[in-house]
Amino acid sequence: KVLTNDDLDFVIDEAKVKAFWEMKKENFMTPQMYELSIVWTETKDNTVTEEEIKSHYEANSFNYTDGAGKQLPYEEAKTLATSDLKIKKTKKAAQKAYIAFKKGNLESNEKITLAMNDAKLTEELWGELKERSSGEIVKPKVVGANYATVKIENIVLPKVKTYEEAKEEVTALYTVQAKKEALVALAESTLKNFDQNDAIISDFVKLEENVNLNPLNNQESLQFLQKLFTSSKEKGIISVFDKVIVYNILEQKLLPMDVNQTDFVKQTANKLKQSTFESNLIKMLDKQYPTDVYIGGLKN
């Protein structure tokens, strides 16, 4: 009998969710926050000629490729080349803005609070910010089609979330764990009161054959059989991915083996006997002739 979460009569108990949070609340932290002032130096007002774009493309054509690594023709790369050229021509203006901002002669365009690694800024810029302290200014970095000169006004360190702040995340984790436990409990109850009339009866199955056991798919069937054939229990419970299978072996039989299989079994048995003999011999010799280890040349 295959059991899934659909077989559960599961209702979320808020008191249990809260108790779950109490036990694990140190795992639910607010992200590190950064209060930032940003000077944006835009590239859109920078004019570029067709000749300049073509010249830039020809000098950097190796940078303009498709997904397969094939170089893009000029017409296909033109938009990207234009953007890159505008960024290149804006670099000096961005550096001037940085100097003016650092001297206090320029106000920021934007004040914002972001969680660490927020997608508004680039990975490269966050790498710089993580190495800096409050009050420091990071030199201009390209963000999208513009330059950003960023000052760290304040860093707010992570703290444990309140229950209300963590509730959605905690509830999701609690639900996954609680359903797993409930499914195991249901499987144990089903096994204890196994009703063959309410179960699926399979044909004989072999591990070396691809068998699709209804309602399992091929991969689930294979994993179930692998666990079944390594078990010594006549009846039991086997978990496969998000399902739990309660089984009872009704009958088993040995099939006649061909010559190759017989030879393989004989070879395996002989290797096992040889290994067992050698292991027992070493134990017997070790007991009769204890080994002493002498370490020389040591100085205090």
Protein backbone atom coordinates (compact mmCIF):
# COMPACT_ATOMS: atom_id res chain seq x y z
CA LYS A 1 0.00 0.00 0.00
CA VAL A 2 1.45 3.36 -1.07
CA LEU A 3 0.88 6.29 1.27
CA THR A 4 1.39 9.97 0.44
CA ASN A 5 0.61 13.31 2.10
CA ASP A 6 -2.80 13.16 0.39
CA ASP A 7 -3.71 10.33 2.77
CA LEU A 8 -3.14 12.56 5.80
CA ASP A 9 -5.82 14.39 7.67
CA PHE A 10 -3.41 17.21 8.48
CA VAL A 11 -4.30 20.48 10.17
CA ILE A 12 -1.69 23.06 11.19
CA ASP A 13 -1.63 23.62 14.95
CA GLU A 14 -0.42 27.18 15.61
CA ALA A 15 0.69 26.32 19.15
CA LYS A 16 2.95 23.57 17.76
CA VAL A 17 4.31 25.93 15.09
CA LYS A 18 5.21 28.45 17.79
CA ALA A 19 6.84 25.72 19.92
CA PHE A 20 8.82 24.64 16.83
CA TRP A 21 10.00 28.25 16.39
CA GLU A 22 10.98 28.49 20.07
CA MET A 23 13.27 25.47 19.69
CA LYS A 24 14.86 26.67 16.46
CA LYS A 25 14.52 30.46 16.53
CA GLU A 26 18.29 30.99 16.36
CA ASN A 27 18.05 29.65 12.80
CA PHE A 28 15.65 32.42 11.77
CA MET A 29 17.68 35.61 11.53
CA THR A 30 17.08 38.91 9.80
CA PRO A 31 19.53 39.59 6.95
CA GLN A 32 22.38 42.03 7.43
CA MET A 33 21.07 45.42 6.28
CA TYR A 34 22.96 48.32 4.72
CA GLU A 35 21.84 51.95 4.86
CA LEU A 36 23.39 53.47 1.73
CA SER A 37 23.75 56.81 -0.04
CA ILE A 38 24.22 56.42 -3.79
CA VAL A 39 25.43 58.86 -6.43
CA TRP A 40 24.23 57.63 -9.82
CA THR A 41 26.16 58.76 -12.90
CA GLU A 42 23.95 58.01 -15.89
CA THR A 43 25.18 57.12 -19.36
CA LYS A 44 22.05 57.90 -21.37
CA ASP A 45 23.03 61.53 -22.05
CA ASN A 46 26.34 60.49 -23.57
CA THR A 47 26.10 60.66 -27.36
CA VAL A 48 28.02 58.22 -29.54
CA THR A 49 28.34 58.16 -33.33
CA GLU A 50 27.88 55.19 -35.65
CA GLU A 51 31.58 55.35 -36.49
CA GLU A 52 32.54 55.22 -32.79
CA ILE A 53 30.26 52.24 -32.18
CA LYS A 54 31.71 50.34 -35.15
CA SER A 55 35.25 51.11 -34.03
CA HIS A 56 34.48 49.92 -30.48
CA TYR A 57 32.85 46.74 -31.82
CA GLU A 58 35.81 45.90 -34.06
CA ALA A 59 38.28 46.40 -31.21
CA ASN A 60 36.21 44.28 -28.81
CA SER A 61 34.37 41.87 -31.12
CA PHE A 62 35.58 38.87 -29.10
CA ASN A 63 33.32 40.06 -26.24
CA TYR A 64 30.16 39.81 -28.36
CA THR A 65 29.19 36.17 -28.74
CA ASP A 66 26.01 34.07 -28.69
CA GLY A 67 25.19 31.23 -26.32
CA ALA A 68 27.32 28.82 -28.35
CA GLY A 69 30.33 31.12 -28.20
CA LYS A 70 30.02 32.18 -31.86
CA GLN A 71 30.89 35.83 -32.58
CA LEU A 72 27.88 38.04 -33.22
CA PRO A 73 27.80 40.16 -36.39
CA TYR A 74 27.85 43.93 -35.92
CA GLU A 75 24.11 44.48 -36.44
CA GLU A 76 23.23 41.91 -33.75
CA ALA A 77 25.85 43.22 -31.30
CA LYS A 78 25.20 46.93 -32.00
CA THR A 79 22.84 47.59 -29.03
CA LEU A 80 25.20 45.97 -26.52
CA ALA A 81 28.25 47.63 -28.07
CA THR A 82 26.51 51.02 -27.86
CA SER A 83 25.76 50.50 -24.16
CA ASP A 84 29.34 49.39 -23.45
CA LEU A 85 30.77 52.39 -25.29
CA LYS A 86 28.55 54.82 -23.37
CA ILE A 87 29.69 53.24 -20.09
CA LYS A 88 33.31 53.61 -21.19
CA LYS A 89 32.82 57.30 -22.09
CA THR A 90 31.04 57.99 -18.76
CA LYS A 91 33.84 56.58 -16.59
CA LYS A 92 35.67 59.92 -16.23
CA ALA A 93 32.44 61.72 -15.19
CA ALA A 94 31.78 58.98 -12.60
CA GLN A 95 35.29 59.41 -11.15
CA LYS A 96 34.76 63.18 -10.89
CA ALA A 97 31.45 62.61 -9.13
CA TYR A 98 33.18 60.22 -6.70
CA ILE A 99 35.80 62.87 -5.79
CA ALA A 100 33.15 65.58 -5.33
CA PHE A 101 30.98 63.24 -3.23
CA LYS A 102 33.95 62.26 -1.07
CA LYS A 103 34.82 65.94 -0.46
CA GLY A 104 31.23 66.73 0.47
CA ASN A 105 30.65 68.89 -2.62
CA LEU A 106 27.99 66.60 -4.10
CA GLU A 107 24.76 65.23 -2.62
CA SER A 108 23.67 61.64 -3.24
CA ASN A 109 20.84 60.92 -5.71
CA GLU A 110 19.36 58.18 -3.55
CA LYS A 111 19.26 57.01 0.06
CA ILE A 112 18.19 53.42 0.45
CA THR A 113 18.30 50.48 2.87
CA LEU A 114 19.08 47.10 1.30
CA ALA A 115 19.55 43.57 2.58
CA MET A 116 23.01 42.19 1.87
CA ASN A 117 23.29 40.80 -1.68
CA ASP A 118 20.11 42.56 -2.83
CA ALA A 119 19.79 42.33 -6.63
CA LYS A 120 19.57 46.13 -7.00
CA LEU A 121 23.38 46.18 -6.83
CA THR A 122 25.87 43.87 -8.53
CA GLU A 123 27.74 40.94 -7.02
CA GLU A 124 31.02 42.81 -7.57
CA LEU A 125 29.75 45.88 -5.69
CA TRP A 126 28.45 43.77 -2.79
CA GLY A 127 31.85 42.10 -2.61
CA GLU A 128 33.35 45.57 -2.02
CA LEU A 129 30.69 46.64 0.48
CA LYS A 130 31.19 43.53 2.62
CA GLU A 131 34.84 44.49 3.09
CA ARG A 132 34.04 48.09 4.14
CA SER A 133 32.84 49.78 7.33
CA SER A 134 30.25 52.48 8.04
CA GLY A 135 31.26 55.87 6.62
CA GLU A 136 33.40 54.44 3.80
CA ILE A 137 32.76 55.22 0.13
CA VAL A 138 33.23 52.67 -2.64
CA LYS A 139 34.63 53.91 -5.96
CA PRO A 140 32.25 53.96 -8.96
CA LYS A 141 31.07 50.56 -10.16
CA VAL A 142 28.93 49.74 -13.18
CA VAL A 143 25.38 48.80 -12.20
CA GLY A 144 23.15 48.13 -15.19
CA ALA A 145 23.73 50.94 -17.69
CA ASN A 146 25.04 53.44 -15.09
CA TYR A 147 27.79 54.00 -12.53
CA ALA A 148 27.07 53.84 -8.80
CA THR A 149 29.25 55.52 -6.19
CA VAL A 150 28.11 54.11 -2.84
CA LYS A 151 28.63 55.33 0.71
CA ILE A 152 27.84 53.07 3.67
CA GLU A 153 25.88 55.17 6.14
CA ASN A 154 25.17 52.35 8.59
CA ILE A 155 25.32 48.55 8.87
CA VAL A 156 22.50 46.84 10.74
CA LEU A 157 23.68 43.43 11.99
CA PRO A 158 21.42 40.33 11.85
CA LYS A 159 19.15 39.59 14.80
CA VAL A 160 16.71 36.82 15.70
CA LYS A 161 13.38 37.37 13.97
CA THR A 162 10.25 37.73 16.06
CA TYR A 163 7.68 34.96 15.69
CA GLU A 164 5.53 37.17 13.47
CA GLU A 165 8.50 38.02 11.23
CA ALA A 166 9.47 34.35 10.90
CA LYS A 167 5.95 32.90 10.91
CA GLU A 168 5.61 32.18 7.18
CA GLU A 169 9.05 30.55 6.93
CA VAL A 170 8.63 28.63 10.20
CA THR A 171 5.18 27.36 9.23
CA ALA A 172 6.50 26.00 5.92
CA LEU A 173 9.38 24.14 7.61
CA TYR A 174 7.16 22.87 10.43
CA THR A 175 4.59 21.60 7.92
CA VAL A 176 7.21 19.58 6.00
CA GLN A 177 8.56 17.98 9.21
CA ALA A 178 5.14 17.39 10.77
CA LYS A 179 3.81 15.74 7.61
CA LYS A 180 6.84 13.42 7.47
CA GLU A 181 6.23 12.37 11.07
CA ALA A 182 2.48 11.98 10.46
CA LEU A 183 3.12 9.86 7.36
CA VAL A 184 5.46 7.54 9.28
CA ALA A 185 2.87 7.23 12.07
CA LEU A 186 0.16 6.41 9.52
CA ALA A 187 2.45 3.80 7.90
CA GLU A 188 3.14 2.14 11.27
CA SER A 189 -0.60 2.04 12.02
CA THR A 190 -1.32 0.64 8.55
CA LEU A 191 1.36 -2.04 8.99
CA LYS A 192 -0.02 -3.03 12.37
CA ASN A 193 -3.53 -3.44 10.95
CA PHE A 194 -2.55 -4.50 7.43
CA ASP A 195 -5.63 -5.29 5.33
CA GLN A 196 -4.67 -7.32 2.28
CA ASN A 197 -8.06 -6.61 0.68
CA ASP A 198 -7.21 -2.90 0.69
CA ALA A 199 -3.75 -3.40 -0.84
CA ILE A 200 -2.30 -3.73 -4.33
CA ILE A 201 -1.20 -7.30 -5.11
CA SER A 202 1.80 -7.40 -7.47
CA ASP A 203 3.14 -10.19 -9.65
CA PHE A 204 6.49 -11.76 -8.78
CA VAL A 205 9.21 -9.15 -9.11
CA LYS A 206 12.98 -9.40 -9.74
CA LEU A 207 15.57 -6.78 -8.86
CA GLU A 208 17.37 -7.06 -12.20
CA GLU A 209 14.23 -6.33 -14.21
CA ASN A 210 12.68 -2.91 -14.82
CA VAL A 211 9.33 -3.23 -13.11
CA ASN A 212 6.84 -0.42 -12.82
CA LEU A 213 4.84 -1.07 -9.65
CA ASN A 214 1.54 0.75 -9.77
CA PRO A 215 1.16 3.54 -8.54
CA LEU A 216 4.96 4.11 -8.44
CA ASN A 217 6.91 5.39 -11.43
CA ASN A 218 10.00 3.59 -12.78
CA GLN A 219 12.51 5.39 -10.56
CA GLU A 220 10.39 4.94 -7.43
CA SER A 221 9.82 1.26 -8.27
CA LEU A 222 13.56 0.64 -8.70
CA GLN A 223 14.43 2.33 -5.39
CA PHE A 224 11.69 0.40 -3.59
CA LEU A 225 12.93 -2.93 -4.97
CA GLN A 226 16.56 -2.13 -4.10
CA LYS A 227 15.54 -1.54 -0.48
CA LEU A 228 13.16 -4.50 -0.45
CA PHE A 229 15.78 -6.99 -1.69
CA THR A 230 18.27 -5.87 0.98
CA SER A 231 15.70 -6.26 3.75
CA SER A 232 15.22 -9.45 5.76
CA LYS A 233 11.72 -8.48 6.92
CA GLU A 234 8.65 -10.30 5.66
CA LYS A 235 6.60 -7.16 6.13
CA GLY A 236 7.66 -3.59 6.78
CA ILE A 237 7.82 0.05 5.73
CA ILE A 238 10.01 1.55 2.99
CA SER A 239 10.31 5.26 2.24
CA VAL A 240 10.80 6.31 -1.38
CA PHE A 241 11.16 10.04 -2.07
CA ASP A 242 7.91 11.62 -0.79
CA LYS A 243 6.04 8.32 -0.53
CA VAL A 244 5.93 5.56 2.09
CA ILE A 245 5.22 1.97 1.03
CA VAL A 246 3.79 -0.53 3.48
CA TYR A 247 4.48 -4.04 2.18
CA ASN A 248 3.84 -7.67 3.03
CA ILE A 249 5.62 -10.47 1.12
CA LEU A 250 3.00 -13.10 0.29
CA GLU A 251 5.27 -15.56 -1.54
CA GLN A 252 8.80 -15.89 -2.84
CA LYS A 253 10.57 -18.38 -5.08
CA LEU A 254 14.01 -19.08 -6.56
CA LEU A 255 14.25 -19.26 -10.31
CA PRO A 256 16.58 -21.75 -12.05
CA MET A 257 19.90 -20.12 -12.96
CA ASP A 258 21.77 -20.40 -16.23
CA VAL A 259 25.42 -21.58 -16.38
CA ASN A 260 26.88 -18.07 -16.19
CA GLN A 261 24.87 -17.22 -13.10
CA THR A 262 25.84 -20.53 -11.45
CA ASP A 263 29.54 -19.90 -12.10
CA PHE A 264 29.24 -16.38 -10.74
CA VAL A 265 27.61 -17.64 -7.52
CA LYS A 266 30.33 -20.28 -7.12
CA GLN A 267 33.09 -17.71 -7.60
CA THR A 268 31.46 -15.36 -5.09
CA ALA A 269 31.06 -18.16 -2.55
CA ASN A 270 34.68 -19.26 -2.96
CA LYS A 271 35.95 -15.68 -2.51
CA LEU A 272 33.82 -15.33 0.61
CA LYS A 273 35.16 -18.62 2.05
CA GLN A 274 38.77 -17.62 1.28
CA SER A 275 38.27 -14.21 2.89
CA THR A 276 36.66 -15.75 5.99
CA PHE A 277 39.47 -18.34 6.30
CA GLU A 278 42.19 -15.66 6.05
CA SER A 279 40.45 -13.42 8.57
CA ASN A 280 40.08 -16.25 11.10
CA LEU A 281 43.69 -17.38 10.56
CA ILE A 282 45.03 -13.88 11.29
CA LYS A 283 42.91 -13.68 14.45
CA MET A 284 44.19 -17.08 15.63
CA LEU A 285 47.84 -16.16 14.93
CA ASP A 286 47.45 -12.79 16.61
CA LYS A 287 46.08 -14.46 19.73
CA GLN A 288 48.83 -17.11 19.79
CA TYR A 289 51.71 -14.77 18.85
CA PRO A 290 50.93 -11.26 20.18
CA THR A 291 52.58 -8.42 18.24
CA ASP A 292 54.89 -6.04 20.10
CA VAL A 293 55.70 -2.62 18.61
CA TYR A 294 59.07 -0.99 19.41
CA ILE A 295 59.66 2.68 18.59
CA GLY A 296 63.28 3.77 18.72
CA GLY A 297 65.10 7.06 18.27
CA LEU A 298 62.68 9.17 20.30
CA LYS A 299 64.11 11.96 22.45
CA ASN A 300 62.51 14.00 25.21
